[in-house]
Amino acid sequence: MTQAVDIRGEAGEPIPHGFKGLSKLDVEFRRSEFSIVAAGPGTGKSLLAAMLATKTNVPTLYFSADSSAATQMARATSMITGDDVKTVKGALLGGDFSAYADVLGARWWTRWNYDARPKPSDIERDLLCFYEVYNTMPHLVVVDNLSNVDTGVVGDAESYTFGLEGLNEYLSEMARVTKAHVLGLHHVNGPYADGLTPIPLSGVKGQISRVPNLVLTIHVEVDETGARVLHMSPVKNREGVADPSGATFASFRLNRTNLRLEEIDEGLPVYV
């Protein structure tokens, strides 16, 4: 056991996510561990992942199979600068993005892959390339979405679930080997796809909750001011608070202008 202490290295170190509401629930994205964020379409799981990738500014490899480069760069730039996302996207599509060049350049070790259907071999290739360029493995790897990864398994629902289980085991092993935190984004079952009610652990599509150390689900509501509020529920958490029903959650207001998630609890500062 004393040898295990010596060989631990960076394993178990949390990625500095900055969300105080999640920290109050002992939710951490720890290196050498695999987690899943599950939610309905357009609920905010990609926004959460993008904030982790841009605001933490740790070595990051982001596989964005579900969103284009234009969408992700407009979102990320708006989150980093606080500028209106419409202004940022206008500059991007207008062909003059020079005002934001230095801002994006400061995140020089955040790398993106936009293949719509990456294979595990593609993921391994990019990990090796990352190491070759930076002489370190990423601290954070995002796979957006798990169902976009080409596992080579096709057929009925049973084979689909089997393929996802195998992918989860692969990503969990990858987290151990690289000492990265590997975050997979995933969908939910039909009754929860609208994202308007708390999503339990059983609501994760394919019920692939055996492998991850952490599973977060996200549902939304519109508050009295018309603002969109995201509720993040730790339905599985080996290191802290876990409520499989989804009824325990941390809440964040979505700033529609710059796409930042802001703390709602009184006394907690806005995440910047």
C-alpha atoms as a PDB file:
ATOM      1  CA  MET A   1       0.000   0.000   0.000  1.00  0.00           C
ATOM      2  CA  THR A   2       2.885   2.379   0.652  1.00  0.00           C
ATOM      3  CA  GLN A   3       4.139   1.618  -2.862  1.00  0.00           C
ATOM      4  CA  ALA A   4       0.698   2.559  -4.208  1.00  0.00           C
ATOM      5  CA  VAL A   5       1.063   5.952  -2.531  1.00  0.00           C
ATOM      6  CA  ASP A   6       4.389   6.483  -4.308  1.00  0.00           C
ATOM      7  CA  ILE A   7       3.187   5.416  -7.766  1.00  0.00           C
ATOM      8  CA  ARG A   8      -0.099   7.344  -7.639  1.00  0.00           C
ATOM      9  CA  GLY A   9       1.373  10.363  -9.418  1.00  0.00           C
ATOM     10  CA  GLU A  10      -1.336  12.740 -10.626  1.00  0.00           C
ATOM     11  CA  ALA A  11      -4.114  10.154 -10.300  1.00  0.00           C
ATOM     12  CA  GLY A  12      -7.024  11.486  -8.259  1.00  0.00           C
ATOM     13  CA  GLU A  13      -6.141  15.163  -8.652  1.00  0.00           C
ATOM     14  CA  PRO A  14      -9.307  17.164  -9.440  1.00  0.00           C
ATOM     15  CA  ILE A  15      -9.601  19.317 -12.556  1.00  0.00           C
ATOM     16  CA  PRO A  16     -10.207  22.895 -11.242  1.00  0.00           C
ATOM     17  CA  HIS A  17     -13.760  23.292 -12.566  1.00  0.00           C
ATOM     18  CA  GLY A  18     -14.717  26.355 -10.484  1.00  0.00           C
ATOM     19  CA  PHE A  19     -18.394  25.442 -10.012  1.00  0.00           C
ATOM     20  CA  LYS A  20     -18.988  26.047  -6.306  1.00  0.00           C
ATOM     21  CA  GLY A  21     -22.467  24.508  -6.409  1.00  0.00           C
ATOM     22  CA  LEU A  22     -21.019  21.217  -7.647  1.00  0.00           C
ATOM     23  CA  SER A  23     -18.202  21.371  -5.110  1.00  0.00           C
ATOM     24  CA  LYS A  24     -20.791  21.610  -2.306  1.00  0.00           C
ATOM     25  CA  LEU A  25     -22.038  18.199  -3.507  1.00  0.00           C
ATOM     26  CA  ASP A  26     -18.465  16.841  -3.579  1.00  0.00           C
ATOM     27  CA  VAL A  27     -18.572  16.615  -7.379  1.00  0.00           C
ATOM     28  CA  GLU A  28     -15.047  16.637  -8.798  1.00  0.00           C
ATOM     29  CA  PHE A  29     -13.672  15.668 -12.197  1.00  0.00           C
ATOM     30  CA  ARG A  30     -10.618  13.710 -11.050  1.00  0.00           C
ATOM     31  CA  ARG A  31      -7.690  12.653 -13.178  1.00  0.00           C
ATOM     32  CA  SER A  32      -7.449   8.940 -14.000  1.00  0.00           C
ATOM     33  CA  GLU A  33     -11.237   8.671 -13.721  1.00  0.00           C
ATOM     34  CA  PHE A  34     -14.080   8.410 -16.226  1.00  0.00           C
ATOM     35  CA  SER A  35     -17.365  10.306 -15.943  1.00  0.00           C
ATOM     36  CA  ILE A  36     -20.574  10.735 -17.918  1.00  0.00           C
ATOM     37  CA  VAL A  37     -22.820  13.789 -18.285  1.00  0.00           C
ATOM     38  CA  ALA A  38     -26.227  12.733 -19.621  1.00  0.00           C
ATOM     39  CA  ALA A  39     -29.054  15.009 -20.733  1.00  0.00           C
ATOM     40  CA  GLY A  40     -31.634  15.564 -23.443  1.00  0.00           C
ATOM     41  CA  PRO A  41     -30.828  17.335 -26.718  1.00  0.00           C
ATOM     42  CA  GLY A  42     -30.019  21.029 -26.310  1.00  0.00           C
ATOM     43  CA  THR A  43     -30.147  20.856 -22.524  1.00  0.00           C
ATOM     44  CA  GLY A  44     -26.621  22.099 -21.852  1.00  0.00           C
ATOM     45  CA  LYS A  45     -24.274  19.147 -21.537  1.00  0.00           C
ATOM     46  CA  SER A  46     -22.022  20.467 -24.328  1.00  0.00           C
ATOM     47  CA  LEU A  47     -21.997  23.924 -22.711  1.00  0.00           C
ATOM     48  CA  LEU A  48     -20.775  22.377 -19.452  1.00  0.00           C
ATOM     49  CA  ALA A  49     -18.053  20.447 -21.290  1.00  0.00           C
ATOM     50  CA  ALA A  50     -16.992  23.532 -23.267  1.00  0.00           C
ATOM     51  CA  MET A  51     -16.689  25.555 -20.062  1.00  0.00           C
ATOM     52  CA  LEU A  52     -14.494  22.866 -18.534  1.00  0.00           C
ATOM     53  CA  ALA A  53     -12.344  22.801 -21.665  1.00  0.00           C
ATOM     54  CA  THR A  54     -11.895  26.577 -21.914  1.00  0.00           C
ATOM     55  CA  LYS A  55     -12.050  27.978 -18.398  1.00  0.00           C
ATOM     56  CA  THR A  56      -9.813  25.471 -16.617  1.00  0.00           C
ATOM     57  CA  ASN A  57      -7.013  26.021 -19.159  1.00  0.00           C
ATOM     58  CA  VAL A  58      -5.431  22.635 -18.501  1.00  0.00           C
ATOM     59  CA  PRO A  59      -4.059  20.422 -21.302  1.00  0.00           C
ATOM     60  CA  THR A  60      -7.263  19.304 -23.027  1.00  0.00           C
ATOM     61  CA  LEU A  61      -8.240  17.134 -25.982  1.00  0.00           C
ATOM     62  CA  TYR A  62     -11.865  17.645 -27.061  1.00  0.00           C
ATOM     63  CA  PHE A  63     -13.564  15.299 -29.551  1.00  0.00           C
ATOM     64  CA  SER A  64     -16.471  17.380 -30.858  1.00  0.00           C
ATOM     65  CA  ALA A  65     -18.319  14.898 -33.050  1.00  0.00           C
ATOM     66  CA  ASP A  66     -21.687  16.476 -32.277  1.00  0.00           C
ATOM     67  CA  SER A  67     -20.904  20.148 -33.055  1.00  0.00           C
ATOM     68  CA  SER A  68     -19.020  21.937 -35.831  1.00  0.00           C
ATOM     69  CA  ALA A  69     -15.889  24.046 -35.459  1.00  0.00           C
ATOM     70  CA  ALA A  70     -17.872  27.251 -36.088  1.00  0.00           C
ATOM     71  CA  THR A  71     -20.339  26.460 -33.303  1.00  0.00           C
ATOM     72  CA  GLN A  72     -17.718  25.406 -30.776  1.00  0.00           C
ATOM     73  CA  MET A  73     -15.328  28.294 -31.442  1.00  0.00           C
ATOM     74  CA  ALA A  74     -18.101  30.884 -31.206  1.00  0.00           C
ATOM     75  CA  ARG A  75     -19.264  29.380 -27.913  1.00  0.00           C
ATOM     76  CA  ALA A  76     -15.788  29.019 -26.455  1.00  0.00           C
ATOM     77  CA  THR A  77     -14.687  32.533 -27.422  1.00  0.00           C
ATOM     78  CA  SER A  78     -17.832  34.042 -25.934  1.00  0.00           C
ATOM     79  CA  MET A  79     -17.371  32.086 -22.697  1.00  0.00           C
ATOM     80  CA  ILE A  80     -13.740  33.177 -22.367  1.00  0.00           C
ATOM     81  CA  THR A  81     -14.216  36.867 -23.215  1.00  0.00           C
ATOM     82  CA  GLY A  82     -17.757  37.496 -22.000  1.00  0.00           C
ATOM     83  CA  ASP A  83     -18.643  39.031 -25.391  1.00  0.00           C
ATOM     84  CA  ASP A  84     -22.058  38.477 -26.927  1.00  0.00           C
ATOM     85  CA  VAL A  85     -22.023  35.143 -28.770  1.00  0.00           C
ATOM     86  CA  LYS A  86     -23.854  36.754 -31.712  1.00  0.00           C
ATOM     87  CA  THR A  87     -21.071  39.335 -32.051  1.00  0.00           C
ATOM     88  CA  VAL A  88     -18.422  36.618 -31.849  1.00  0.00           C
ATOM     89  CA  LYS A  89     -20.143  34.438 -34.435  1.00  0.00           C
ATOM     90  CA  GLY A  90     -20.586  37.450 -36.730  1.00  0.00           C
ATOM     91  CA  ALA A  91     -16.842  38.114 -36.588  1.00  0.00           C
ATOM     92  CA  LEU A  92     -16.109  34.438 -37.213  1.00  0.00           C
ATOM     93  CA  LEU A  93     -18.400  34.147 -40.212  1.00  0.00           C
ATOM     94  CA  GLY A  94     -17.331  37.578 -41.491  1.00  0.00           C
ATOM     95  CA  GLY A  95     -13.777  36.403 -41.899  1.00  0.00           C
ATOM     96  CA  ASP A  96     -12.101  38.872 -39.492  1.00  0.00           C
ATOM     97  CA  PHE A  97     -11.474  37.093 -36.194  1.00  0.00           C
ATOM     98  CA  SER A  98      -8.204  38.897 -35.462  1.00  0.00           C
ATOM     99  CA  ALA A  99      -9.617  40.629 -32.373  1.00  0.00           C
ATOM    100  CA  TYR A 100      -9.880  37.237 -30.675  1.00  0.00           C
ATOM    101  CA  ALA A 101      -6.641  35.664 -31.906  1.00  0.00           C
ATOM    102  CA  ASP A 102      -4.664  36.369 -28.733  1.00  0.00           C
ATOM    103  CA  VAL A 103      -7.496  35.127 -26.510  1.00  0.00           C
ATOM    104  CA  LEU A 104      -7.674  31.782 -28.285  1.00  0.00           C
ATOM    105  CA  GLY A 105      -3.897  31.571 -28.555  1.00  0.00           C
ATOM    106  CA  ALA A 106      -3.637  31.694 -24.764  1.00  0.00           C
ATOM    107  CA  ARG A 107      -5.444  28.311 -24.729  1.00  0.00           C
ATOM    108  CA  TRP A 108      -2.700  26.820 -26.884  1.00  0.00           C
ATOM    109  CA  TRP A 109      -2.811  23.375 -25.318  1.00  0.00           C
ATOM    110  CA  THR A 110      -6.560  22.915 -25.808  1.00  0.00           C
ATOM    111  CA  ARG A 111      -6.916  20.857 -28.995  1.00  0.00           C
ATOM    112  CA  TRP A 112     -10.102  19.944 -30.869  1.00  0.00           C
ATOM    113  CA  ASN A 113     -11.067  17.099 -33.207  1.00  0.00           C
ATOM    114  CA  TYR A 114     -14.246  17.587 -35.291  1.00  0.00           C
ATOM    115  CA  ASP A 115     -14.554  14.160 -36.917  1.00  0.00           C
ATOM    116  CA  ALA A 116     -18.266  13.263 -36.981  1.00  0.00           C
ATOM    117  CA  ARG A 117     -17.631   9.549 -36.419  1.00  0.00           C
ATOM    118  CA  PRO A 118     -14.257   8.976 -34.724  1.00  0.00           C
ATOM    119  CA  LYS A 119     -13.004   5.466 -34.078  1.00  0.00           C
ATOM    120  CA  PRO A 120     -11.123   4.424 -30.923  1.00  0.00           C
ATOM    121  CA  SER A 121      -8.016   4.236 -33.120  1.00  0.00           C
ATOM    122  CA  ASP A 122      -8.534   7.920 -34.031  1.00  0.00           C
ATOM    123  CA  ILE A 123      -8.724   8.808 -30.353  1.00  0.00           C
ATOM    124  CA  GLU A 124      -5.492   6.913 -29.666  1.00  0.00           C
ATOM    125  CA  ARG A 125      -3.772   8.594 -32.611  1.00  0.00           C
ATOM    126  CA  ASP A 126      -4.674  12.064 -31.349  1.00  0.00           C
ATOM    127  CA  LEU A 127      -3.548  11.194 -27.817  1.00  0.00           C
ATOM    128  CA  LEU A 128      -0.154  10.118 -29.158  1.00  0.00           C
ATOM    129  CA  CYS A 129       0.078  13.263 -31.301  1.00  0.00           C
ATOM    130  CA  PHE A 130      -0.770  15.392 -28.256  1.00  0.00           C
ATOM    131  CA  TYR A 131       2.013  13.722 -26.302  1.00  0.00           C
ATOM    132  CA  GLU A 132       4.451  14.162 -29.183  1.00  0.00           C
ATOM    133  CA  VAL A 133       3.747  17.906 -29.394  1.00  0.00           C
ATOM    134  CA  TYR A 134       3.459  18.794 -25.691  1.00  0.00           C
ATOM    135  CA  ASN A 135       5.453  16.019 -23.976  1.00  0.00           C
ATOM    136  CA  THR A 136       2.466  15.382 -21.709  1.00  0.00           C
ATOM    137  CA  MET A 137      -0.857  13.626 -21.959  1.00  0.00           C
ATOM    138  CA  PRO A 138      -4.014  15.748 -21.692  1.00  0.00           C
ATOM    139  CA  HIS A 139      -5.357  16.331 -18.206  1.00  0.00           C
ATOM    140  CA  LEU A 140      -8.891  16.411 -19.628  1.00  0.00           C
ATOM    141  CA  VAL A 141     -10.355  14.440 -22.545  1.00  0.00           C
ATOM    142  CA  VAL A 142     -13.937  15.143 -23.675  1.00  0.00           C
ATOM    143  CA  VAL A 143     -15.896  12.778 -25.931  1.00  0.00           C
ATOM    144  CA  ASP A 144     -18.964  14.584 -27.283  1.00  0.00           C
ATOM    145  CA  ASN A 145     -21.017  12.334 -27.701  1.00  0.00           C
ATOM    146  CA  LEU A 146     -20.404   8.718 -26.773  1.00  0.00           C
ATOM    147  CA  SER A 147     -22.934   7.515 -29.345  1.00  0.00           C
ATOM    148  CA  ASN A 148     -20.945   9.238 -32.112  1.00  0.00           C
ATOM    149  CA  VAL A 149     -17.910   7.003 -31.569  1.00  0.00           C
ATOM    150  CA  ASP A 150     -17.693   4.261 -34.164  1.00  0.00           C
ATOM    151  CA  THR A 151     -17.280   1.099 -32.105  1.00  0.00           C
ATOM    152  CA  GLY A 152     -17.934  -1.171 -35.064  1.00  0.00           C
ATOM    153  CA  VAL A 153     -20.999  -2.636 -33.355  1.00  0.00           C
ATOM    154  CA  VAL A 154     -24.281  -2.385 -35.271  1.00  0.00           C
ATOM    155  CA  GLY A 155     -27.633  -4.094 -34.973  1.00  0.00           C
ATOM    156  CA  ASP A 156     -30.394  -4.158 -32.383  1.00  0.00           C
ATOM    157  CA  ALA A 157     -30.730  -2.346 -29.048  1.00  0.00           C
ATOM    158  CA  GLU A 158     -28.907  -5.117 -27.189  1.00  0.00           C
ATOM    159  CA  SER A 159     -25.828  -4.884 -29.411  1.00  0.00           C
ATOM    160  CA  TYR A 160     -25.977  -1.074 -29.190  1.00  0.00           C
ATOM    161  CA  THR A 161     -25.832  -1.264 -25.392  1.00  0.00           C
ATOM    162  CA  PHE A 162     -23.076  -3.882 -25.557  1.00  0.00           C
ATOM    163  CA  GLY A 163     -21.048  -1.558 -27.776  1.00  0.00           C
ATOM    164  CA  LEU A 164     -21.487   1.357 -25.363  1.00  0.00           C
ATOM    165  CA  GLU A 165     -20.473  -0.825 -22.406  1.00  0.00           C
ATOM    166  CA  GLY A 166     -17.303  -1.811 -24.232  1.00  0.00           C
ATOM    167  CA  LEU A 167     -16.606   1.821 -25.118  1.00  0.00           C
ATOM    168  CA  ASN A 168     -17.031   2.846 -21.488  1.00  0.00           C
ATOM    169  CA  GLU A 169     -14.564   0.203 -20.364  1.00  0.00           C
ATOM    170  CA  TYR A 170     -12.133   1.385 -23.032  1.00  0.00           C
ATOM    171  CA  LEU A 171     -12.447   5.050 -21.949  1.00  0.00           C
ATOM    172  CA  SER A 172     -12.102   4.111 -18.291  1.00  0.00           C
ATOM    173  CA  GLU A 173      -8.905   2.219 -19.062  1.00  0.00           C
ATOM    174  CA  MET A 174      -7.705   5.156 -21.139  1.00  0.00           C
ATOM    175  CA  ALA A 175      -8.209   7.441 -18.135  1.00  0.00           C
ATOM    176  CA  ARG A 176      -6.078   5.109 -15.990  1.00  0.00           C
ATOM    177  CA  VAL A 177      -3.275   4.865 -18.556  1.00  0.00           C
ATOM    178  CA  THR A 178      -3.104   8.563 -19.503  1.00  0.00           C
ATOM    179  CA  LYS A 179      -4.002   9.945 -16.037  1.00  0.00           C
ATOM    180  CA  ALA A 180      -6.507  12.213 -17.741  1.00  0.00           C
ATOM    181  CA  HIS A 181     -10.046  12.816 -16.627  1.00  0.00           C
ATOM    182  CA  VAL A 182     -12.159  11.405 -19.446  1.00  0.00           C
ATOM    183  CA  LEU A 183     -15.611  12.988 -19.746  1.00  0.00           C
ATOM    184  CA  GLY A 184     -18.195  11.369 -22.010  1.00  0.00           C
ATOM    185  CA  LEU A 185     -21.415  13.128 -22.998  1.00  0.00           C
ATOM    186  CA  HIS A 186     -24.444  10.944 -23.521  1.00  0.00           C
ATOM    187  CA  HIS A 187     -28.188  10.919 -24.176  1.00  0.00           C
ATOM    188  CA  VAL A 188     -31.102   9.849 -21.981  1.00  0.00           C
ATOM    189  CA  ASN A 189     -34.114   7.588 -22.421  1.00  0.00           C
ATOM    190  CA  GLY A 190     -37.211   8.835 -24.231  1.00  0.00           C
ATOM    191  CA  PRO A 191     -39.358   9.853 -21.219  1.00  0.00           C
ATOM    192  CA  TYR A 192     -36.602  12.241 -20.081  1.00  0.00           C
ATOM    193  CA  ALA A 193     -35.520  13.533 -23.493  1.00  0.00           C
ATOM    194  CA  ASP A 194     -37.368  16.855 -23.074  1.00  0.00           C
ATOM    195  CA  GLY A 195     -35.046  17.651 -20.137  1.00  0.00           C
ATOM    196  CA  LEU A 196     -37.794  19.242 -18.030  1.00  0.00           C
ATOM    197  CA  THR A 197     -37.803  16.848 -15.064  1.00  0.00           C
ATOM    198  CA  PRO A 198     -35.034  15.408 -12.863  1.00  0.00           C
ATOM    199  CA  ILE A 199     -33.321  12.548 -14.675  1.00  0.00           C
ATOM    200  CA  PRO A 200     -32.553   9.506 -12.502  1.00  0.00           C
ATOM    201  CA  LEU A 201     -29.648   7.128 -12.936  1.00  0.00           C
ATOM    202  CA  SER A 202     -32.012   4.720 -14.701  1.00  0.00           C
ATOM    203  CA  GLY A 203     -32.765   7.451 -17.259  1.00  0.00           C
ATOM    204  CA  VAL A 204     -29.301   7.253 -18.814  1.00  0.00           C
ATOM    205  CA  LYS A 205     -29.669   5.764 -22.299  1.00  0.00           C
ATOM    206  CA  GLY A 206     -28.596   2.135 -22.380  1.00  0.00           C
ATOM    207  CA  GLN A 207     -28.257   2.259 -18.574  1.00  0.00           C
ATOM    208  CA  ILE A 208     -24.479   2.295 -18.937  1.00  0.00           C
ATOM    209  CA  SER A 209     -23.749   3.437 -15.391  1.00  0.00           C
ATOM    210  CA  ARG A 210     -21.658   0.514 -14.152  1.00  0.00           C
ATOM    211  CA  VAL A 211     -18.228   1.776 -15.228  1.00  0.00           C
ATOM    212  CA  PRO A 212     -18.084   5.575 -14.643  1.00  0.00           C
ATOM    213  CA  ASN A 213     -16.915   6.979 -11.327  1.00  0.00           C
ATOM    214  CA  LEU A 214     -19.301   9.904 -11.731  1.00  0.00           C
ATOM    215  CA  VAL A 215     -22.600  10.337 -13.581  1.00  0.00           C
ATOM    216  CA  LEU A 216     -24.262  13.754 -13.808  1.00  0.00           C
ATOM    217  CA  THR A 217     -27.658  14.347 -15.352  1.00  0.00           C
ATOM    218  CA  ILE A 218     -28.956  17.781 -16.363  1.00  0.00           C
ATOM    219  CA  HIS A 219     -32.523  19.049 -16.544  1.00  0.00           C
ATOM    220  CA  VAL A 220     -33.732  22.596 -17.106  1.00  0.00           C
ATOM    221  CA  GLU A 221     -36.427  25.021 -16.046  1.00  0.00           C
ATOM    222  CA  VAL A 222     -37.337  28.617 -16.783  1.00  0.00           C
ATOM    223  CA  ASP A 223     -37.365  30.809 -13.658  1.00  0.00           C
ATOM    224  CA  GLU A 224     -39.624  33.761 -12.834  1.00  0.00           C
ATOM    225  CA  THR A 225     -37.444  36.175 -14.826  1.00  0.00           C
ATOM    226  CA  GLY A 226     -37.588  34.022 -17.960  1.00  0.00           C
ATOM    227  CA  ALA A 227     -33.990  32.889 -17.501  1.00  0.00           C
ATOM    228  CA  ARG A 228     -32.989  29.326 -18.302  1.00  0.00           C
ATOM    229  CA  VAL A 229     -31.747  27.402 -15.249  1.00  0.00           C
ATOM    230  CA  LEU A 230     -29.703  24.204 -15.479  1.00  0.00           C
ATOM    231  CA  HIS A 231     -29.950  21.698 -12.632  1.00  0.00           C
ATOM    232  CA  MET A 232     -27.036  19.237 -12.397  1.00  0.00           C
ATOM    233  CA  SER A 233     -27.721  16.046 -10.455  1.00  0.00           C
ATOM    234  CA  PRO A 234     -24.991  13.663  -9.222  1.00  0.00           C
ATOM    235  CA  VAL A 235     -26.914  10.405  -9.710  1.00  0.00           C
ATOM    236  CA  LYS A 236     -23.724   8.397  -9.200  1.00  0.00           C
ATOM    237  CA  ASN A 237     -20.687   9.683  -7.334  1.00  0.00           C
ATOM    238  CA  ARG A 238     -18.115   7.379  -5.779  1.00  0.00           C
ATOM    239  CA  GLU A 239     -16.385  10.297  -4.064  1.00  0.00           C
ATOM    240  CA  GLY A 240     -19.303  12.239  -2.598  1.00  0.00           C
ATOM    241  CA  VAL A 241     -23.021  13.008  -2.642  1.00  0.00           C
ATOM    242  CA  ALA A 242     -25.059  10.692  -4.867  1.00  0.00           C
ATOM    243  CA  ASP A 243     -28.841  10.603  -5.324  1.00  0.00           C
ATOM    244  CA  PRO A 244     -29.939   8.091  -7.989  1.00  0.00           C
ATOM    245  CA  SER A 245     -33.356   9.762  -8.210  1.00  0.00           C
ATOM    246  CA  GLY A 246     -31.876  12.964  -9.644  1.00  0.00           C
ATOM    247  CA  ALA A 247     -33.758  15.054  -7.076  1.00  0.00           C
ATOM    248  CA  THR A 248     -30.558  16.442  -5.511  1.00  0.00           C
ATOM    249  CA  PHE A 249     -28.867  19.002  -7.735  1.00  0.00           C
ATOM    250  CA  ALA A 250     -26.787  22.159  -8.050  1.00  0.00           C
ATOM    251  CA  SER A 251     -28.392  24.958 -10.053  1.00  0.00           C
ATOM    252  CA  PHE A 252     -26.868  27.412 -12.519  1.00  0.00           C
ATOM    253  CA  ARG A 253     -28.400  30.222 -14.533  1.00  0.00           C
ATOM    254  CA  LEU A 254     -27.468  30.282 -18.213  1.00  0.00           C
ATOM    255  CA  ASN A 255     -26.343  33.708 -19.365  1.00  0.00           C
ATOM    256  CA  ARG A 256     -27.740  33.643 -22.894  1.00  0.00           C
ATOM    257  CA  THR A 257     -25.468  36.484 -23.991  1.00  0.00           C
ATOM    258  CA  ASN A 258     -22.093  34.863 -23.315  1.00  0.00           C
ATOM    259  CA  LEU A 259     -23.239  31.268 -22.586  1.00  0.00           C
ATOM    260  CA  ARG A 260     -21.615  31.241 -19.157  1.00  0.00           C
ATOM    261  CA  LEU A 261     -23.198  29.280 -16.330  1.00  0.00           C
ATOM    262  CA  GLU A 262     -23.664  31.466 -13.268  1.00  0.00           C
ATOM    263  CA  GLU A 263     -24.019  30.346  -9.665  1.00  0.00           C
ATOM    264  CA  ILE A 264     -27.510  30.813  -8.238  1.00  0.00           C
ATOM    265  CA  ASP A 265     -26.896  30.152  -4.537  1.00  0.00           C
ATOM    266  CA  GLU A 266     -26.681  33.369  -2.516  1.00  0.00           C
ATOM    267  CA  GLY A 267     -23.175  34.156  -1.364  1.00  0.00           C
ATOM    268  CA  LEU A 268     -21.543  32.303  -4.230  1.00  0.00           C
ATOM    269  CA  PRO A 269     -19.773  34.462  -6.851  1.00  0.00           C
ATOM    270  CA  VAL A 270     -20.554  34.224 -10.548  1.00  0.00           C
ATOM    271  CA  TYR A 271     -18.272  31.715 -12.264  1.00  0.00           C
ATOM    272  CA  VAL A 272     -15.835  33.780 -14.363  1.00  0.00           C
END
